[in-house]
Amino acid sequence: MATKANTGPGKAQRKGRSSSGRTTTSTKSVRNDRYTPPIPKNAKTSPRWMGLAIIALFILGVLVVILNYADVLPGGVNNWWLVAAIGSIFGGLILATRYH
């Protein structure tokens, strides 16, 4: 009761294989009907200050959190400093999503 190595139970083909051994069909003249527009010459670019502003807002937010817990900021440990720090980090994230 010898069986072929290429067939499974019920004489089914092995998964991922066709009778010719290829997984996909071979078509020599594949025509792509999708239109891909060219990249415009005036593509959006962000101003130089935007990258610096993103980094500055992130660093400012982290610095305010650290200085608040070190009790260096005026007014002692205060939650409003943490709100300002989160606002600064969030502002950096908003700018980063609009960066081109």
PDB file of N, CA and C in Angstrom:
ATOM      1  N   MET A   1       0.825  -1.157   0.000  1.00  0.00           N
ATOM      2  CA  MET A   1       0.000   0.000   0.000  1.00  0.00           C
ATOM      3  C   MET A   1       0.888   1.245   0.000  1.00  0.00           C
ATOM      4  N   ALA A   2       1.543   1.473  -1.086  1.00  0.00           N
ATOM      5  CA  ALA A   2       2.440   2.611  -1.221  1.00  0.00           C
ATOM      6  C   ALA A   2       1.649   3.838  -1.676  1.00  0.00           C
ATOM      7  N   THR A   3       1.936   4.968  -1.062  1.00  0.00           N
ATOM      8  CA  THR A   3       1.289   6.217  -1.450  1.00  0.00           C
ATOM      9  C   THR A   3       2.334   7.191  -1.946  1.00  0.00           C
ATOM     10  N   LYS A   4       1.898   8.118  -2.765  1.00  0.00           N
ATOM     11  CA  LYS A   4       2.826   9.128  -3.254  1.00  0.00           C
ATOM     12  C   LYS A   4       3.149  10.100  -2.129  1.00  0.00           C
ATOM     13  N   ALA A   5       4.345  10.658  -2.159  1.00  0.00           N
ATOM     14  CA  ALA A   5       4.762  11.598  -1.124  1.00  0.00           C
ATOM     15  C   ALA A   5       4.092  12.953  -1.296  1.00  0.00           C
ATOM     16  N   ASN A   6       3.632  13.277  -2.517  1.00  0.00           N
ATOM     17  CA  ASN A   6       3.052  14.587  -2.773  1.00  0.00           C
ATOM     18  C   ASN A   6       1.581  14.678  -2.420  1.00  0.00           C
ATOM     19  N   THR A   7       0.944  13.589  -2.128  1.00  0.00           N
ATOM     20  CA  THR A   7      -0.492  13.639  -1.857  1.00  0.00           C
ATOM     21  C   THR A   7      -0.746  13.374  -0.392  1.00  0.00           C
ATOM     22  N   GLY A   8      -1.838  13.929   0.095  1.00  0.00           N
ATOM     23  CA  GLY A   8      -2.231  13.737   1.476  1.00  0.00           C
ATOM     24  C   GLY A   8      -3.368  12.740   1.548  1.00  0.00           C
ATOM     25  N   PRO A   9      -4.105  12.748   2.636  1.00  0.00           N
ATOM     26  CA  PRO A   9      -5.222  11.823   2.776  1.00  0.00           C
ATOM     27  C   PRO A   9      -6.321  12.129   1.759  1.00  0.00           C
ATOM     28  N   GLY A  10      -6.896  11.124   1.185  1.00  0.00           N
ATOM     29  CA  GLY A  10      -7.946  11.290   0.199  1.00  0.00           C
ATOM     30  C   GLY A  10      -7.425  11.793  -1.126  1.00  0.00           C
ATOM     31  N   LYS A  11      -6.172  11.577  -1.419  1.00  0.00           N
ATOM     32  CA  LYS A  11      -5.507  12.001  -2.649  1.00  0.00           C
ATOM     33  C   LYS A  11      -5.558  13.516  -2.846  1.00  0.00           C
ATOM     34  N   ALA A  12      -5.561  14.255  -1.745  1.00  0.00           N
ATOM     35  CA  ALA A  12      -5.547  15.716  -1.824  1.00  0.00           C
ATOM     36  C   ALA A  12      -4.109  16.197  -1.969  1.00  0.00           C
ATOM     37  N   GLN A  13      -3.952  17.334  -2.608  1.00  0.00           N
ATOM     38  CA  GLN A  13      -2.625  17.905  -2.769  1.00  0.00           C
ATOM     39  C   GLN A  13      -2.131  18.428  -1.422  1.00  0.00           C
ATOM     40  N   ARG A  14      -0.821  18.464  -1.243  1.00  0.00           N
ATOM     41  CA  ARG A  14      -0.265  19.048  -0.045  1.00  0.00           C
ATOM     42  C   ARG A  14      -0.563  20.540  -0.030  1.00  0.00           C
ATOM     43  N   LYS A  15      -0.695  21.099   1.150  1.00  0.00           N
ATOM     44  CA  LYS A  15      -1.019  22.510   1.281  1.00  0.00           C
ATOM     45  C   LYS A  15       0.124  23.358   0.734  1.00  0.00           C
ATOM     46  N   GLY A  16      -0.231  24.331  -0.096  1.00  0.00           N
ATOM     47  CA  GLY A  16       0.764  25.228  -0.638  1.00  0.00           C
ATOM     48  C   GLY A  16       1.425  24.731  -1.900  1.00  0.00           C
ATOM     49  N   ARG A  17       1.006  23.616  -2.426  1.00  0.00           N
ATOM     50  CA  ARG A  17       1.615  23.066  -3.636  1.00  0.00           C
ATOM     51  C   ARG A  17       0.550  22.754  -4.671  1.00  0.00           C
ATOM     52  N   SER A  18       0.863  22.998  -5.916  1.00  0.00           N
ATOM     53  CA  SER A  18      -0.034  22.577  -6.985  1.00  0.00           C
ATOM     54  C   SER A  18       0.590  21.364  -7.661  1.00  0.00           C
ATOM     55  N   SER A  19      -0.058  20.873  -8.673  1.00  0.00           N
ATOM     56  CA  SER A  19       0.452  19.664  -9.319  1.00  0.00           C
ATOM     57  C   SER A  19       1.776  19.913 -10.026  1.00  0.00           C
ATOM     58  N   SER A  20       2.048  21.174 -10.436  1.00  0.00           N
ATOM     59  CA  SER A  20       3.310  21.451 -11.119  1.00  0.00           C
ATOM     60  C   SER A  20       4.425  21.812 -10.150  1.00  0.00           C
ATOM     61  N   GLY A  21       4.129  21.915  -8.868  1.00  0.00           N
ATOM     62  CA  GLY A  21       5.154  22.236  -7.891  1.00  0.00           C
ATOM     63  C   GLY A  21       5.219  23.714  -7.540  1.00  0.00           C
ATOM     64  N   ARG A  22       4.487  24.561  -8.276  1.00  0.00           N
ATOM     65  CA  ARG A  22       4.476  25.996  -7.990  1.00  0.00           C
ATOM     66  C   ARG A  22       3.340  26.334  -7.035  1.00  0.00           C
ATOM     67  N   THR A  23       3.562  27.315  -6.182  1.00  0.00           N
ATOM     68  CA  THR A  23       2.510  27.756  -5.285  1.00  0.00           C
ATOM     69  C   THR A  23       1.574  28.736  -5.973  1.00  0.00           C
ATOM     70  N   THR A  24       2.129  29.615  -6.797  1.00  0.00           N
ATOM     71  CA  THR A  24       1.313  30.586  -7.519  1.00  0.00           C
ATOM     72  C   THR A  24       1.326  30.259  -8.999  1.00  0.00           C
ATOM     73  N   THR A  25       0.350  30.795  -9.711  1.00  0.00           N
ATOM     74  CA  THR A  25       0.303  30.537 -11.138  1.00  0.00           C
ATOM     75  C   THR A  25       1.321  31.406 -11.856  1.00  0.00           C
ATOM     76  N   SER A  26       1.828  30.909 -12.930  1.00  0.00           N
ATOM     77  CA  SER A  26       2.830  31.632 -13.694  1.00  0.00           C
ATOM     78  C   SER A  26       2.142  32.340 -14.856  1.00  0.00           C
ATOM     79  N   THR A  27       2.111  33.661 -14.800  1.00  0.00           N
ATOM     80  CA  THR A  27       1.564  34.456 -15.891  1.00  0.00           C
ATOM     81  C   THR A  27       2.647  35.416 -16.342  1.00  0.00           C
ATOM     82  N   LYS A  28       2.946  35.379 -17.613  1.00  0.00           N
ATOM     83  CA  LYS A  28       4.054  36.175 -18.112  1.00  0.00           C
ATOM     84  C   LYS A  28       3.647  37.598 -18.435  1.00  0.00           C
ATOM     85  N   SER A  29       2.428  37.832 -18.825  1.00  0.00           N
ATOM     86  CA  SER A  29       2.009  39.185 -19.183  1.00  0.00           C
ATOM     87  C   SER A  29       0.983  39.678 -18.156  1.00  0.00           C
ATOM     88  N   VAL A  30       1.488  40.134 -17.016  1.00  0.00           N
ATOM     89  CA  VAL A  30       0.631  40.682 -15.976  1.00  0.00           C
ATOM     90  C   VAL A  30       0.553  42.183 -16.202  1.00  0.00           C
ATOM     91  N   ARG A  31      -0.654  42.674 -16.391  1.00  0.00           N
ATOM     92  CA  ARG A  31      -0.848  44.086 -16.648  1.00  0.00           C
ATOM     93  C   ARG A  31      -1.413  44.760 -15.410  1.00  0.00           C
ATOM     94  N   ASN A  32      -0.776  45.826 -14.994  1.00  0.00           N
ATOM     95  CA  ASN A  32      -1.223  46.552 -13.813  1.00  0.00           C
ATOM     96  C   ASN A  32      -2.082  47.717 -14.263  1.00  0.00           C
ATOM     97  N   ASP A  33      -3.367  47.706 -13.875  1.00  0.00           N
ATOM     98  CA  ASP A  33      -4.288  48.750 -14.283  1.00  0.00           C
ATOM     99  C   ASP A  33      -4.357  49.897 -13.281  1.00  0.00           C
ATOM    100  N   ARG A  34      -3.609  49.826 -12.194  1.00  0.00           N
ATOM    101  CA  ARG A  34      -3.644  50.894 -11.209  1.00  0.00           C
ATOM    102  C   ARG A  34      -2.752  52.041 -11.652  1.00  0.00           C
ATOM    103  N   TYR A  35      -3.248  53.243 -11.449  1.00  0.00           N
ATOM    104  CA  TYR A  35      -2.483  54.432 -11.795  1.00  0.00           C
ATOM    105  C   TYR A  35      -1.750  54.923 -10.555  1.00  0.00           C
ATOM    106  N   THR A  36      -0.465  55.098 -10.658  1.00  0.00           N
ATOM    107  CA  THR A  36       0.335  55.651  -9.577  1.00  0.00           C
ATOM    108  C   THR A  36       0.811  57.026 -10.009  1.00  0.00           C
ATOM    109  N   PRO A  37       0.285  58.070  -9.378  1.00  0.00           N
ATOM    110  CA  PRO A  37       0.686  59.410  -9.799  1.00  0.00           C
ATOM    111  C   PRO A  37       2.138  59.692  -9.424  1.00  0.00           C
ATOM    112  N   PRO A  38       2.803  60.533 -10.182  1.00  0.00           N
ATOM    113  CA  PRO A  38       4.185  60.873  -9.835  1.00  0.00           C
ATOM    114  C   PRO A  38       4.240  61.721  -8.563  1.00  0.00           C
ATOM    115  N   ILE A  39       5.373  61.685  -7.909  1.00  0.00           N
ATOM    116  CA  ILE A  39       5.552  62.466  -6.688  1.00  0.00           C
ATOM    117  C   ILE A  39       5.654  63.936  -7.083  1.00  0.00           C
ATOM    118  N   PRO A  40       4.834  64.785  -6.481  1.00  0.00           N
ATOM    119  CA  PRO A  40       4.883  66.200  -6.862  1.00  0.00           C
ATOM    120  C   PRO A  40       6.210  66.834  -6.459  1.00  0.00           C
ATOM    121  N   LYS A  41       6.630  67.806  -7.253  1.00  0.00           N
ATOM    122  CA  LYS A  41       7.908  68.456  -6.978  1.00  0.00           C
ATOM    123  C   LYS A  41       7.821  69.373  -5.773  1.00  0.00           C
ATOM    124  N   ASN A  42       6.628  69.845  -5.466  1.00  0.00           N
ATOM    125  CA  ASN A  42       6.475  70.708  -4.292  1.00  0.00           C
ATOM    126  C   ASN A  42       5.913  69.906  -3.120  1.00  0.00           C
ATOM    127  N   ALA A  43       6.522  68.773  -2.823  1.00  0.00           N
ATOM    128  CA  ALA A  43       6.069  67.920  -1.725  1.00  0.00           C
ATOM    129  C   ALA A  43       6.216  68.681  -0.407  1.00  0.00           C
ATOM    130  N   LYS A  44       5.356  68.357   0.521  1.00  0.00           N
ATOM    131  CA  LYS A  44       5.354  69.062   1.795  1.00  0.00           C
ATOM    132  C   LYS A  44       6.647  68.789   2.558  1.00  0.00           C
ATOM    133  N   THR A  45       7.230  69.847   3.052  1.00  0.00           N
ATOM    134  CA  THR A  45       8.388  69.726   3.937  1.00  0.00           C
ATOM    135  C   THR A  45       8.157  70.632   5.135  1.00  0.00           C
ATOM    136  N   SER A  46       8.546  70.174   6.278  1.00  0.00           N
ATOM    137  CA  SER A  46       8.355  70.953   7.494  1.00  0.00           C
ATOM    138  C   SER A  46       9.485  71.970   7.646  1.00  0.00           C
ATOM    139  N   PRO A  47       9.197  73.062   8.321  1.00  0.00           N
ATOM    140  CA  PRO A  47      10.267  74.027   8.579  1.00  0.00           C
ATOM    141  C   PRO A  47      11.296  73.445   9.545  1.00  0.00           C
ATOM    142  N   ARG A  48      12.485  74.007   9.521  1.00  0.00           N
ATOM    143  CA  ARG A  48      13.571  73.473  10.350  1.00  0.00           C
ATOM    144  C   ARG A  48      13.282  73.576  11.841  1.00  0.00           C
ATOM    145  N   TRP A  49      12.561  74.616  12.247  1.00  0.00           N
ATOM    146  CA  TRP A  49      12.322  74.813  13.666  1.00  0.00           C
ATOM    147  C   TRP A  49      11.403  73.750  14.243  1.00  0.00           C
ATOM    148  N   MET A  50      10.662  73.058  13.392  1.00  0.00           N
ATOM    149  CA  MET A  50       9.676  72.101  13.899  1.00  0.00           C
ATOM    150  C   MET A  50      10.351  70.902  14.577  1.00  0.00           C
ATOM    151  N   GLY A  51      11.403  70.397  13.989  1.00  0.00           N
ATOM    152  CA  GLY A  51      12.121  69.280  14.611  1.00  0.00           C
ATOM    153  C   GLY A  51      12.727  69.673  15.943  1.00  0.00           C
ATOM    154  N   LEU A  52      13.286  70.878  15.993  1.00  0.00           N
ATOM    155  CA  LEU A  52      13.855  71.362  17.251  1.00  0.00           C
ATOM    156  C   LEU A  52      12.774  71.584  18.305  1.00  0.00           C
ATOM    157  N   ALA A  53      11.607  72.062  17.873  1.00  0.00           N
ATOM    158  CA  ALA A  53      10.506  72.278  18.814  1.00  0.00           C
ATOM    159  C   ALA A  53      10.003  70.957  19.391  1.00  0.00           C
ATOM    160  N   ILE A  54       9.962  69.921  18.576  1.00  0.00           N
ATOM    161  CA  ILE A  54       9.516  68.599  19.058  1.00  0.00           C
ATOM    162  C   ILE A  54      10.457  68.109  20.148  1.00  0.00           C
ATOM    163  N   ILE A  55      11.755  68.151  19.865  1.00  0.00           N
ATOM    164  CA  ILE A  55      12.742  67.685  20.839  1.00  0.00           C
ATOM    165  C   ILE A  55      12.717  68.549  22.092  1.00  0.00           C
ATOM    166  N   ALA A  56      12.593  69.873  21.913  1.00  0.00           N
ATOM    167  CA  ALA A  56      12.572  70.772  23.067  1.00  0.00           C
ATOM    168  C   ALA A  56      11.359  70.512  23.957  1.00  0.00           C
ATOM    169  N   LEU A  57      10.190  70.278  23.367  1.00  0.00           N
ATOM    170  CA  LEU A  57       9.001  70.020  24.175  1.00  0.00           C
ATOM    171  C   LEU A  57       9.108  68.707  24.943  1.00  0.00           C
ATOM    172  N   PHE A  58       9.668  67.678  24.306  1.00  0.00           N
ATOM    173  CA  PHE A  58       9.869  66.401  25.016  1.00  0.00           C
ATOM    174  C   PHE A  58      10.836  66.576  26.186  1.00  0.00           C
ATOM    175  N   ILE A  59      11.958  67.221  25.920  1.00  0.00           N
ATOM    176  CA  ILE A  59      12.961  67.402  26.976  1.00  0.00           C
ATOM    177  C   ILE A  59      12.414  68.280  28.091  1.00  0.00           C
ATOM    178  N   LEU A  60      11.689  69.351  27.735  1.00  0.00           N
ATOM    179  CA  LEU A  60      11.100  70.226  28.744  1.00  0.00           C
ATOM    180  C   LEU A  60      10.124  69.460  29.634  1.00  0.00           C
ATOM    181  N   GLY A  61       9.292  68.631  29.038  1.00  0.00           N
ATOM    182  CA  GLY A  61       8.331  67.860  29.829  1.00  0.00           C
ATOM    183  C   GLY A  61       9.009  66.904  30.796  1.00  0.00           C
ATOM    184  N   VAL A  62      10.010  66.200  30.326  1.00  0.00           N
ATOM    185  CA  VAL A  62      10.724  65.256  31.192  1.00  0.00           C
ATOM    186  C   VAL A  62      11.476  66.008  32.282  1.00  0.00           C
ATOM    187  N   LEU A  63      12.065  67.150  31.929  1.00  0.00           N
ATOM    188  CA  LEU A  63      12.813  67.948  32.903  1.00  0.00           C
ATOM    189  C   LEU A  63      11.893  68.492  33.993  1.00  0.00           C
ATOM    190  N   VAL A  64      10.708  68.928  33.626  1.00  0.00           N
ATOM    191  CA  VAL A  64       9.763  69.438  34.626  1.00  0.00           C
ATOM    192  C   VAL A  64       9.331  68.323  35.575  1.00  0.00           C
ATOM    193  N   VAL A  65       9.112  67.120  35.051  1.00  0.00           N
ATOM    194  CA  VAL A  65       8.742  65.995  35.922  1.00  0.00           C
ATOM    195  C   VAL A  65       9.859  65.708  36.916  1.00  0.00           C
ATOM    196  N   ILE A  66      11.097  65.659  36.434  1.00  0.00           N
ATOM    197  CA  ILE A  66      12.233  65.355  37.317  1.00  0.00           C
ATOM    198  C   ILE A  66      12.424  66.459  38.355  1.00  0.00           C
ATOM    199  N   LEU A  67      12.369  67.720  37.909  1.00  0.00           N
ATOM    200  CA  LEU A  67      12.568  68.831  38.838  1.00  0.00           C
ATOM    201  C   LEU A  67      11.422  68.943  39.841  1.00  0.00           C
ATOM    202  N   ASN A  68      10.220  68.556  39.462  1.00  0.00           N
ATOM    203  CA  ASN A  68       9.097  68.580  40.395  1.00  0.00           C
ATOM    204  C   ASN A  68       9.313  67.573  41.520  1.00  0.00           C
ATOM    205  N   TYR A  69       9.744  66.383  41.170  1.00  0.00           N
ATOM    206  CA  TYR A  69       9.956  65.373  42.209  1.00  0.00           C
ATOM    207  C   TYR A  69      11.208  65.641  43.030  1.00  0.00           C
ATOM    208  N   ALA A  70      12.136  66.425  42.485  1.00  0.00           N
ATOM    209  CA  ALA A  70      13.323  66.802  43.250  1.00  0.00           C
ATOM    210  C   ALA A  70      13.043  68.020  44.129  1.00  0.00           C
ATOM    211  N   ASP A  71      11.830  68.565  44.060  1.00  0.00           N
ATOM    212  CA  ASP A  71      11.391  69.718  44.857  1.00  0.00           C
ATOM    213  C   ASP A  71      12.270  70.937  44.589  1.00  0.00           C
ATOM    214  N   VAL A  72      12.589  71.170  43.323  1.00  0.00           N
ATOM    215  CA  VAL A  72      13.410  72.303  42.932  1.00  0.00           C
ATOM    216  C   VAL A  72      12.553  73.439  42.387  1.00  0.00           C
ATOM    217  N   LEU A  73      11.417  73.143  41.823  1.00  0.00           N
ATOM    218  CA  LEU A  73      10.560  74.154  41.217  1.00  0.00           C
ATOM    219  C   LEU A  73       9.888  75.006  42.296  1.00  0.00           C
ATOM    220  N   PRO A  74       9.590  76.267  41.984  1.00  0.00           N
ATOM    221  CA  PRO A  74       8.940  77.129  42.980  1.00  0.00           C
ATOM    222  C   PRO A  74       7.547  76.609  43.330  1.00  0.00           C
ATOM    223  N   GLY A  75       7.206  76.706  44.586  1.00  0.00           N
ATOM    224  CA  GLY A  75       5.906  76.231  45.041  1.00  0.00           C
ATOM    225  C   GLY A  75       5.961  74.808  45.571  1.00  0.00           C
ATOM    226  N   GLY A  76       7.118  74.214  45.589  1.00  0.00           N
ATOM    227  CA  GLY A  76       7.250  72.848  46.093  1.00  0.00           C
ATOM    228  C   GLY A  76       6.666  71.831  45.119  1.00  0.00           C
ATOM    229  N   VAL A  77       6.453  70.629  45.632  1.00  0.00           N
ATOM    230  CA  VAL A  77       5.873  69.573  44.808  1.00  0.00           C
ATOM    231  C   VAL A  77       4.407  69.923  44.568  1.00  0.00           C
ATOM    232  N   ASN A  78       4.069  70.113  43.305  1.00  0.00           N
ATOM    233  CA  ASN A  78       2.732  70.569  42.965  1.00  0.00           C
ATOM    234  C   ASN A  78       2.258  69.797  41.733  1.00  0.00           C
ATOM    235  N   ASN A  79       1.003  69.418  41.729  1.00  0.00           N
ATOM    236  CA  ASN A  79       0.463  68.658  40.600  1.00  0.00           C
ATOM    237  C   ASN A  79       0.347  69.496  39.341  1.00  0.00           C
ATOM    238  N   TRP A  80       0.252  70.813  39.478  1.00  0.00           N
ATOM    239  CA  TRP A  80       0.142  71.661  38.297  1.00  0.00           C
ATOM    240  C   TRP A  80       1.413  71.631  37.460  1.00  0.00           C
ATOM    241  N   TRP A  81       2.544  71.424  38.086  1.00  0.00           N
ATOM    242  CA  TRP A  81       3.782  71.249  37.318  1.00  0.00           C
ATOM    243  C   TRP A  81       3.716  69.978  36.479  1.00  0.00           C
ATOM    244  N   LEU A  82       3.123  68.936  37.035  1.00  0.00           N
ATOM    245  CA  LEU A  82       2.987  67.681  36.288  1.00  0.00           C
ATOM    246  C   LEU A  82       2.004  67.833  35.138  1.00  0.00           C
ATOM    247  N   VAL A  83       0.950  68.618  35.340  1.00  0.00           N
ATOM    248  CA  VAL A  83       0.001  68.877  34.257  1.00  0.00           C
ATOM    249  C   VAL A  83       0.709  69.637  33.130  1.00  0.00           C
ATOM    250  N   ALA A  84       1.557  70.602  33.503  1.00  0.00           N
ATOM    251  CA  ALA A  84       2.319  71.345  32.492  1.00  0.00           C
ATOM    252  C   ALA A  84       3.299  70.422  31.760  1.00  0.00           C
ATOM    253  N   ALA A  85       3.898  69.500  32.487  1.00  0.00           N
ATOM    254  CA  ALA A  85       4.839  68.571  31.859  1.00  0.00           C
ATOM    255  C   ALA A  85       4.123  67.651  30.878  1.00  0.00           C
ATOM    256  N   ILE A  86       2.979  67.135  31.262  1.00  0.00           N
ATOM    257  CA  ILE A  86       2.209  66.274  30.364  1.00  0.00           C
ATOM    258  C   ILE A  86       1.735  67.060  29.151  1.00  0.00           C
ATOM    259  N   GLY A  87       1.336  68.320  29.379  1.00  0.00           N
ATOM    260  CA  GLY A  87       0.942  69.179  28.260  1.00  0.00           C
ATOM    261  C   GLY A  87       2.095  69.417  27.298  1.00  0.00           C
ATOM    262  N   SER A  88       3.285  69.600  27.823  1.00  0.00           N
ATOM    263  CA  SER A  88       4.461  69.805  26.975  1.00  0.00           C
ATOM    264  C   SER A  88       4.773  68.550  26.152  1.00  0.00           C
ATOM    265  N   ILE A  89       4.733  67.404  26.786  1.00  0.00           N
ATOM    266  CA  ILE A  89       4.994  66.147  26.071  1.00  0.00           C
ATOM    267  C   ILE A  89       3.903  65.904  25.029  1.00  0.00           C
ATOM    268  N   PHE A  90       2.661  66.175  25.373  1.00  0.00           N
ATOM    269  CA  PHE A  90       1.556  66.005  24.424  1.00  0.00           C
ATOM    270  C   PHE A  90       1.707  66.967  23.244  1.00  0.00           C
ATOM    271  N   GLY A  91       2.125  68.202  23.520  1.00  0.00           N
ATOM    272  CA  GLY A  91       2.384  69.152  22.435  1.00  0.00           C
ATOM    273  C   GLY A  91       3.480  68.658  21.504  1.00  0.00           C
ATOM    274  N   GLY A  92       4.521  68.029  22.063  1.00  0.00           N
ATOM    275  CA  GLY A  92       5.576  67.444  21.230  1.00  0.00           C
ATOM    276  C   GLY A  92       5.057  66.307  20.376  1.00  0.00           C
ATOM    277  N   LEU A  93       4.157  65.514  20.929  1.00  0.00           N
ATOM    278  CA  LEU A  93       3.568  64.415  20.155  1.00  0.00           C
ATOM    279  C   LEU A  93       2.696  64.946  19.015  1.00  0.00           C
ATOM    280  N   ILE A  94       1.936  65.982  19.289  1.00  0.00           N
ATOM    281  CA  ILE A  94       1.090  66.573  18.248  1.00  0.00           C
ATOM    282  C   ILE A  94       1.954  67.123  17.111  1.00  0.00           C
ATOM    283  N   LEU A  95       3.025  67.833  17.475  1.00  0.00           N
ATOM    284  CA  LEU A  95       3.930  68.344  16.441  1.00  0.00           C
ATOM    285  C   LEU A  95       4.583  67.209  15.661  1.00  0.00           C
ATOM    286  N   ALA A  96       4.927  66.129  16.356  1.00  0.00           N
ATOM    287  CA  ALA A  96       5.601  65.005  15.688  1.00  0.00           C
ATOM    288  C   ALA A  96       4.686  64.320  14.688  1.00  0.00           C
ATOM    289  N   THR A  97       3.387  64.328  14.929  1.00  0.00           N
ATOM    290  CA  THR A  97       2.481  63.684  13.968  1.00  0.00           C
ATOM    291  C   THR A  97       2.295  64.533  12.719  1.00  0.00           C
ATOM    292  N   ARG A  98       2.591  65.823  12.799  1.00  0.00           N
ATOM    293  CA  ARG A  98       2.458  66.706  11.643  1.00  0.00           C
ATOM    294  C   ARG A  98       3.781  66.972  10.940  1.00  0.00           C
ATOM    295  N   TYR A  99       4.826  66.315  11.364  1.00  0.00           N
ATOM    296  CA  TYR A  99       6.166  66.526  10.790  1.00  0.00           C
ATOM    297  C   TYR A  99       6.293  65.780   9.469  1.00  0.00           C
ATOM    298  N   HIS A 100       6.836  66.461   8.463  1.00  0.00           N
ATOM    299  CA  HIS A 100       7.043  65.836   7.144  1.00  0.00           C
ATOM    300  C   HIS A 100       8.506  65.795   6.849  1.00  0.00           C
TER     301      HIS A 100
END
